[in-house]
Amino acid sequence: MPGQQKRKRSRERAHRRATAVRGHWEPLFSTREHGEVKEYVRRLATERGISPECVRIDQFCGRTVHPTSYRVSVFVPEASA
């Protein structure tokens, strides 16, 4: 399957990075529109200079009663004391 190896390496790098740096994911934005999520992530990168590697998009799959929603979170490293 094309691109499968690239996705696997990307997930492995993200996992190594997550174990190397302690911190937490802080939710910033939630919506039901996919277009709004894409625009918000674009603005994060341009206005705040946040790296795409530090952004996580969660998709909560909906059913008839609960529509699909999206949540954008950013990784916040713990302050070293």
Protein backbone atom coordinates (compact mmCIF):
# COMPACT_ATOMS: atom_id res chain seq x y z
CA MET A 1 0.00 0.00 0.00
CA PRO A 2 1.57 3.33 -1.04
CA GLY A 3 2.68 5.59 1.80
CA GLN A 4 2.25 2.97 4.50
CA GLN A 5 5.95 2.90 5.43
CA LYS A 6 6.07 6.71 5.62
CA ARG A 7 3.06 6.79 7.98
CA LYS A 8 4.63 4.09 10.14
CA ARG A 9 7.89 6.03 10.47
CA SER A 10 5.96 9.19 11.28
CA ARG A 11 4.04 7.44 14.06
CA GLU A 12 7.27 5.98 15.45
CA ARG A 13 8.94 9.42 15.50
CA ALA A 14 5.93 10.90 17.25
CA HIS A 15 6.00 8.13 19.85
CA ARG A 16 9.73 8.61 20.55
CA ARG A 17 9.23 12.37 20.83
CA ALA A 18 6.31 11.92 23.23
CA THR A 19 8.31 9.67 25.53
CA ALA A 20 11.34 11.99 25.45
CA VAL A 21 9.46 15.16 26.43
CA ARG A 22 7.07 15.22 29.36
CA GLY A 23 3.94 17.33 29.00
CA HIS A 24 0.24 17.25 28.22
CA TRP A 25 -2.19 17.97 25.40
CA GLU A 26 -4.25 21.13 25.90
CA PRO A 27 -7.50 21.43 23.91
CA LEU A 28 -7.79 24.73 22.05
CA PHE A 29 -10.69 24.45 19.63
CA SER A 30 -13.71 22.25 19.03
CA THR A 31 -16.21 22.26 16.17
CA ARG A 32 -18.40 20.09 13.97
CA GLU A 33 -17.11 21.53 10.68
CA HIS A 34 -14.03 19.97 9.07
CA GLY A 35 -13.30 23.15 7.12
CA GLU A 36 -13.13 25.20 10.32
CA VAL A 37 -10.60 22.75 11.76
CA LYS A 38 -8.35 23.03 8.70
CA GLU A 39 -8.51 26.83 8.81
CA TYR A 40 -7.78 26.93 12.55
CA VAL A 41 -4.71 24.69 12.17
CA ARG A 42 -3.49 26.87 9.30
CA ARG A 43 -3.85 29.98 11.50
CA LEU A 44 -1.99 28.27 14.36
CA ALA A 45 0.96 27.64 12.07
CA THR A 46 1.07 31.13 10.56
CA GLU A 47 0.09 33.41 13.45
CA ARG A 48 1.47 31.56 16.47
CA GLY A 49 4.27 29.69 14.74
CA ILE A 50 3.20 26.36 16.21
CA SER A 51 4.77 23.34 14.53
CA PRO A 52 2.32 20.86 12.96
CA GLU A 53 4.06 18.10 14.96
CA CYS A 54 2.79 19.72 18.18
CA VAL A 55 -0.83 19.78 16.98
CA ARG A 56 -3.26 16.89 17.44
CA ILE A 57 -6.67 16.64 15.77
CA ASP A 58 -9.16 14.28 17.36
CA GLN A 59 -12.22 13.18 15.41
CA PHE A 60 -15.14 11.96 17.47
CA CYS A 61 -17.29 9.87 15.16
CA GLY A 62 -20.95 10.56 15.46
CA ARG A 63 -24.13 8.67 15.03
CA THR A 64 -27.67 9.79 14.44
CA VAL A 65 -28.00 11.44 17.85
CA HIS A 66 -24.43 12.81 18.19
CA PRO A 67 -22.92 14.35 15.05
CA THR A 68 -19.22 14.02 14.24
CA SER A 69 -17.07 16.61 15.99
CA TYR A 70 -13.42 17.62 15.85
CA ARG A 71 -11.08 18.87 18.58
CA VAL A 72 -7.71 20.57 18.06
CA SER A 73 -5.16 20.21 20.85
CA VAL A 74 -1.60 21.47 21.22
CA PHE A 75 1.23 19.79 23.13
CA VAL A 76 2.40 21.79 26.15
CA PRO A 77 5.72 20.59 27.60
CA GLU A 78 6.11 20.59 31.38
CA ALA A 79 8.15 23.48 32.75
CA SER A 80 11.53 22.34 33.99
CA ALA A 81 11.97 23.36 37.62
